C-alpha atoms as a PDB file:
ATOM      1  CA  MET A   1     -21.914 -23.854   8.168  1.00  0.00           C
ATOM      2  CA  LEU A   2     -18.652 -21.947   8.237  1.00  0.00           C
ATOM      3  CA  ALA A   3     -15.694 -23.596   9.836  1.00  0.00           C
ATOM      4  CA  ARG A   4     -12.005 -22.888   9.757  1.00  0.00           C
ATOM      5  CA  THR A   5      -9.935 -25.705  11.022  1.00  0.00           C
ATOM      6  CA  GLY A   6      -6.268 -26.447  11.174  1.00  0.00           C
ATOM      7  CA  VAL A   7      -3.538 -23.850  11.036  1.00  0.00           C
ATOM      8  CA  LEU A   8      -5.702 -21.119   9.465  1.00  0.00           C
ATOM      9  CA  GLY A   9      -8.378 -21.454  12.135  1.00  0.00           C
ATOM     10  CA  ASP A  10      -5.760 -21.416  14.886  1.00  0.00           C
ATOM     11  CA  LEU A  11      -4.107 -18.355  13.333  1.00  0.00           C
ATOM     12  CA  ASP A  12      -7.471 -16.546  13.124  1.00  0.00           C
ATOM     13  CA  ARG A  13      -8.186 -17.235  16.793  1.00  0.00           C
ATOM     14  CA  LEU A  14      -4.684 -16.110  17.806  1.00  0.00           C
ATOM     15  CA  MET A  15      -4.982 -12.857  15.839  1.00  0.00           C
ATOM     16  CA  HIS A  16      -8.385 -12.154  17.417  1.00  0.00           C
ATOM     17  CA  GLN A  17      -7.019 -12.804  20.905  1.00  0.00           C
ATOM     18  CA  LEU A  18      -3.991 -10.563  20.305  1.00  0.00           C
ATOM     19  CA  ALA A  19      -6.192  -7.756  18.983  1.00  0.00           C
ATOM     20  CA  HIS A  20      -8.219  -7.803  22.199  1.00  0.00           C
ATOM     21  CA  ALA A  21      -5.468  -8.775  24.644  1.00  0.00           C
ATOM     22  CA  ASP A  22      -5.371  -5.410  26.422  1.00  0.00           C
ATOM     23  CA  GLY A  23      -9.085  -5.496  27.154  1.00  0.00           C
ATOM     24  CA  SER A  24      -9.771  -2.318  25.208  1.00  0.00           C
ATOM     25  CA  THR A  25     -12.623  -2.083  22.798  1.00  0.00           C
ATOM     26  CA  ASP A  26     -11.204   0.929  20.940  1.00  0.00           C
ATOM     27  CA  SER A  27      -9.950   0.304  17.446  1.00  0.00           C
ATOM     28  CA  VAL A  28      -7.968   2.655  15.265  1.00  0.00           C
ATOM     29  CA  ILE A  29      -9.677   4.384  12.356  1.00  0.00           C
ATOM     30  CA  PRO A  30      -7.583   4.231   9.160  1.00  0.00           C
ATOM     31  CA  ALA A  31      -6.993   7.611   7.521  1.00  0.00           C
ATOM     32  CA  ASP A  32      -5.298   9.410   4.634  1.00  0.00           C
ATOM     33  CA  ALA A  33      -4.268  13.069   4.797  1.00  0.00           C
ATOM     34  CA  TRP A  34      -2.944  15.591   2.294  1.00  0.00           C
ATOM     35  CA  ARG A  35      -2.762  19.351   1.909  1.00  0.00           C
ATOM     36  CA  ASP A  36      -2.672  22.031  -0.706  1.00  0.00           C
ATOM     37  CA  ASP A  37      -2.184  25.813  -0.459  1.00  0.00           C
ATOM     38  CA  GLU A  38      -5.659  26.259   1.036  1.00  0.00           C
ATOM     39  CA  ALA A  39      -6.356  23.405   3.458  1.00  0.00           C
ATOM     40  CA  LEU A  40      -5.531  20.074   5.051  1.00  0.00           C
ATOM     41  CA  TYR A  41      -7.767  17.202   3.920  1.00  0.00           C
ATOM     42  CA  LEU A  42      -8.392  14.077   5.927  1.00  0.00           C
ATOM     43  CA  GLN A  43     -10.353  11.005   4.864  1.00  0.00           C
ATOM     44  CA  CYS A  44     -11.250   8.322   7.393  1.00  0.00           C
ATOM     45  CA  ASP A  45     -12.775   4.915   6.733  1.00  0.00           C
ATOM     46  CA  LEU A  46     -15.866   4.311   8.847  1.00  0.00           C
ATOM     47  CA  PRO A  47     -17.671   1.497   7.005  1.00  0.00           C
ATOM     48  CA  GLY A  48     -21.014   0.514   8.438  1.00  0.00           C
ATOM     49  CA  MET A  49     -21.081   3.402  10.905  1.00  0.00           C
ATOM     50  CA  ASP A  50     -24.300   5.309  11.435  1.00  0.00           C
ATOM     51  CA  ARG A  51     -23.725   9.051  11.047  1.00  0.00           C
ATOM     52  CA  SER A  52     -25.373   9.642  14.450  1.00  0.00           C
ATOM     53  CA  THR A  53     -22.586   7.694  16.238  1.00  0.00           C
ATOM     54  CA  ILE A  54     -19.774   9.795  14.760  1.00  0.00           C
ATOM     55  CA  GLU A  55     -18.281  12.417  17.092  1.00  0.00           C
ATOM     56  CA  LEU A  56     -15.703  14.925  15.930  1.00  0.00           C
ATOM     57  CA  THR A  57     -14.087  17.397  18.330  1.00  0.00           C
ATOM     58  CA  THR A  58     -11.067  19.668  18.455  1.00  0.00           C
ATOM     59  CA  GLU A  59      -9.399  20.807  21.635  1.00  0.00           C
ATOM     60  CA  ARG A  60      -6.290  22.918  21.501  1.00  0.00           C
ATOM     61  CA  HIS A  61      -4.282  21.230  18.738  1.00  0.00           C
ATOM     62  CA  THR A  62      -5.875  17.775  18.925  1.00  0.00           C
ATOM     63  CA  LEU A  63      -8.567  16.405  16.649  1.00  0.00           C
ATOM     64  CA  THR A  64     -10.531  13.496  18.136  1.00  0.00           C
ATOM     65  CA  LEU A  65     -12.744  11.320  15.985  1.00  0.00           C
ATOM     66  CA  SER A  66     -14.809   8.527  17.488  1.00  0.00           C
ATOM     67  CA  ALA A  67     -17.627   6.345  16.226  1.00  0.00           C
ATOM     68  CA  GLU A  68     -19.363   3.164  17.221  1.00  0.00           C
ATOM     69  CA  ARG A  69     -20.480   0.115  15.281  1.00  0.00           C
ATOM     70  CA  PRO A  70     -22.600  -2.332  17.271  1.00  0.00           C
ATOM     71  CA  SER A  71     -22.429  -6.030  16.638  1.00  0.00           C
ATOM     72  CA  PRO A  72     -25.109  -7.257  14.230  1.00  0.00           C
ATOM     73  CA  ILE A  73     -25.160 -10.604  16.040  1.00  0.00           C
ATOM     74  CA  PRO A  74     -28.054 -10.892  18.508  1.00  0.00           C
ATOM     75  CA  ALA A  75     -27.016 -11.381  22.139  1.00  0.00           C
ATOM     76  CA  GLU A  76     -28.719 -14.799  22.359  1.00  0.00           C
ATOM     77  CA  ALA A  77     -27.016 -16.099  19.182  1.00  0.00           C
ATOM     78  CA  ARG A  78     -23.818 -18.144  19.088  1.00  0.00           C
ATOM     79  CA  PRO A  79     -21.302 -16.488  16.737  1.00  0.00           C
ATOM     80  CA  VAL A  80     -19.809 -18.768  14.094  1.00  0.00           C
ATOM     81  CA  LEU A  81     -17.514 -16.246  12.425  1.00  0.00           C
ATOM     82  CA  THR A  82     -16.649 -12.767  13.713  1.00  0.00           C
ATOM     83  CA  GLU A  83     -14.102 -10.988  11.539  1.00  0.00           C
ATOM     84  CA  ARG A  84     -15.654  -7.529  11.255  1.00  0.00           C
ATOM     85  CA  PRO A  85     -14.608  -5.282  14.135  1.00  0.00           C
ATOM     86  CA  THR A  86     -17.354  -3.822  16.306  1.00  0.00           C
ATOM     87  CA  GLY A  87     -17.401  -1.489  19.272  1.00  0.00           C
ATOM     88  CA  ARG A  88     -15.943   1.962  19.780  1.00  0.00           C
ATOM     89  CA  PHE A  89     -13.423   3.310  17.258  1.00  0.00           C
ATOM     90  CA  THR A  90     -11.224   6.296  18.098  1.00  0.00           C
ATOM     91  CA  ARG A  91      -8.551   8.322  16.343  1.00  0.00           C
ATOM     92  CA  ARG A  92      -6.638  11.282  17.783  1.00  0.00           C
ATOM     93  CA  LEU A  93      -4.454  13.437  15.599  1.00  0.00           C
ATOM     94  CA  ALA A  94      -2.174  16.299  16.576  1.00  0.00           C
ATOM     95  CA  LEU A  95      -2.863  19.365  14.450  1.00  0.00           C
ATOM     96  CA  SER A  96      -0.563  22.224  13.602  1.00  0.00           C
ATOM     97  CA  ASP A  97      -1.354  25.720  14.840  1.00  0.00           C
ATOM     98  CA  VAL A  98      -1.376  26.887  11.215  1.00  0.00           C
ATOM     99  CA  LEU A  99      -4.834  25.293  10.778  1.00  0.00           C
ATOM    100  CA  ASP A 100      -8.117  27.124  11.342  1.00  0.00           C
ATOM    101  CA  THR A 101      -9.964  24.339  13.186  1.00  0.00           C
ATOM    102  CA  ALA A 102     -12.980  26.592  13.816  1.00  0.00           C
ATOM    103  CA  ALA A 103     -13.685  26.512  10.065  1.00  0.00           C
ATOM    104  CA  THR A 104     -13.485  22.715   9.696  1.00  0.00           C
ATOM    105  CA  GLU A 105     -15.958  21.168   7.253  1.00  0.00           C
ATOM    106  CA  ALA A 106     -17.016  17.510   7.448  1.00  0.00           C
ATOM    107  CA  ALA A 107     -18.973  15.264   5.085  1.00  0.00           C
ATOM    108  CA  TYR A 108     -19.859  11.572   5.419  1.00  0.00           C
ATOM    109  CA  ASP A 109     -20.598   9.549   2.302  1.00  0.00           C
ATOM    110  CA  ASN A 110     -20.437   5.819   1.546  1.00  0.00           C
ATOM    111  CA  GLY A 111     -18.623   5.030   4.785  1.00  0.00           C
ATOM    112  CA  VAL A 112     -15.918   7.671   4.302  1.00  0.00           C
ATOM    113  CA  LEU A 113     -15.670  10.775   6.483  1.00  0.00           C
ATOM    114  CA  THR A 114     -13.948  13.652   4.681  1.00  0.00           C
ATOM    115  CA  LEU A 115     -12.660  16.665   6.594  1.00  0.00           C
ATOM    116  CA  ARG A 116     -11.396  19.930   5.170  1.00  0.00           C
ATOM    117  CA  ILE A 117      -9.486  22.061   7.654  1.00  0.00           C
ATOM    118  CA  PRO A 118      -8.456  25.385   6.096  1.00  0.00           C
ATOM    119  CA  LEU A 119      -5.070  26.917   6.678  1.00  0.00           C
ATOM    120  CA  ALA A 120      -5.138  29.969   8.907  1.00  0.00           C
ATOM    121  CA  ALA A 121      -4.733  33.246   7.033  1.00  0.00           C
ATOM    122  CA  HIS A 122      -1.230  33.775   8.430  1.00  0.00           C
ATOM    123  CA  ALA A 123      -0.111  30.377   7.124  1.00  0.00           C
ATOM    124  CA  LYS A 124      -1.284  30.707   3.522  1.00  0.00           C
ATOM    125  CA  PRO A 125       1.306  31.464   0.860  1.00  0.00           C
ATOM    126  CA  ARG A 126       1.107  35.054  -0.278  1.00  0.00           C
ATOM    127  CA  LYS A 127       2.910  37.303  -2.712  1.00  0.00           C
ATOM    128  CA  ILE A 128       4.858  40.213  -1.360  1.00  0.00           C
ATOM    129  CA  ALA A 129       4.619  43.430  -3.322  1.00  0.00           C
ATOM    130  CA  ILE A 130       7.885  45.041  -4.260  1.00  0.00           C
ATOM    131  CA  SER A 131       7.980  48.824  -4.293  1.00  0.00           C
ATOM    132  CA  GLY A 132       9.501  50.748  -7.189  1.00  0.00           C
ATOM    133  CA  GLY A 133      12.569  52.892  -7.188  1.00  0.00           C
ATOM    134  CA  GLY A 134      16.133  52.618  -8.294  1.00  0.00           C
ATOM    135  CA  PRO A 135      18.710  50.218  -6.960  1.00  0.00           C
ATOM    136  CA  LYS A 136      20.149  51.137  -3.611  1.00  0.00           C
ATOM    137  CA  GLN A 137      23.844  51.247  -2.920  1.00  0.00           C
ATOM    138  CA  LEU A 138      25.229  49.454   0.063  1.00  0.00           C
ATOM    139  CA  THR A 139      27.313  51.624   2.338  1.00  0.00           C
ATOM    140  CA  SER A 140      30.465  50.359   3.908  1.00  0.00           C
END
């Protein structure tokens, strides 16, 4: 049987109580983001989440990601150790208006959700053509 006694057990219980002190069941989804000249990339950890529970929406300039992981412990069982978070997980991110959210691509593999949000055409770096001709004199 698993048992944590003493200071470590007390610390575990305190951390669990603090994490759920506000009564909310939402937990934050950890993420990494980066960009290149073509798109913004976002990877979110969703270990143990079933793909069917993942919801991804954009409204105006806000991306909302939510997913749910139910507890594997049967309702009639008495938990001995509960360290893995369960319940509803939500993450909201403000997006720039230079992103083309309508063209967002999403893939879920091995518990990691990867998003690719392309830059809007007007936000992509572009070369400006320079016309020919001789140097122009400034007039005073």
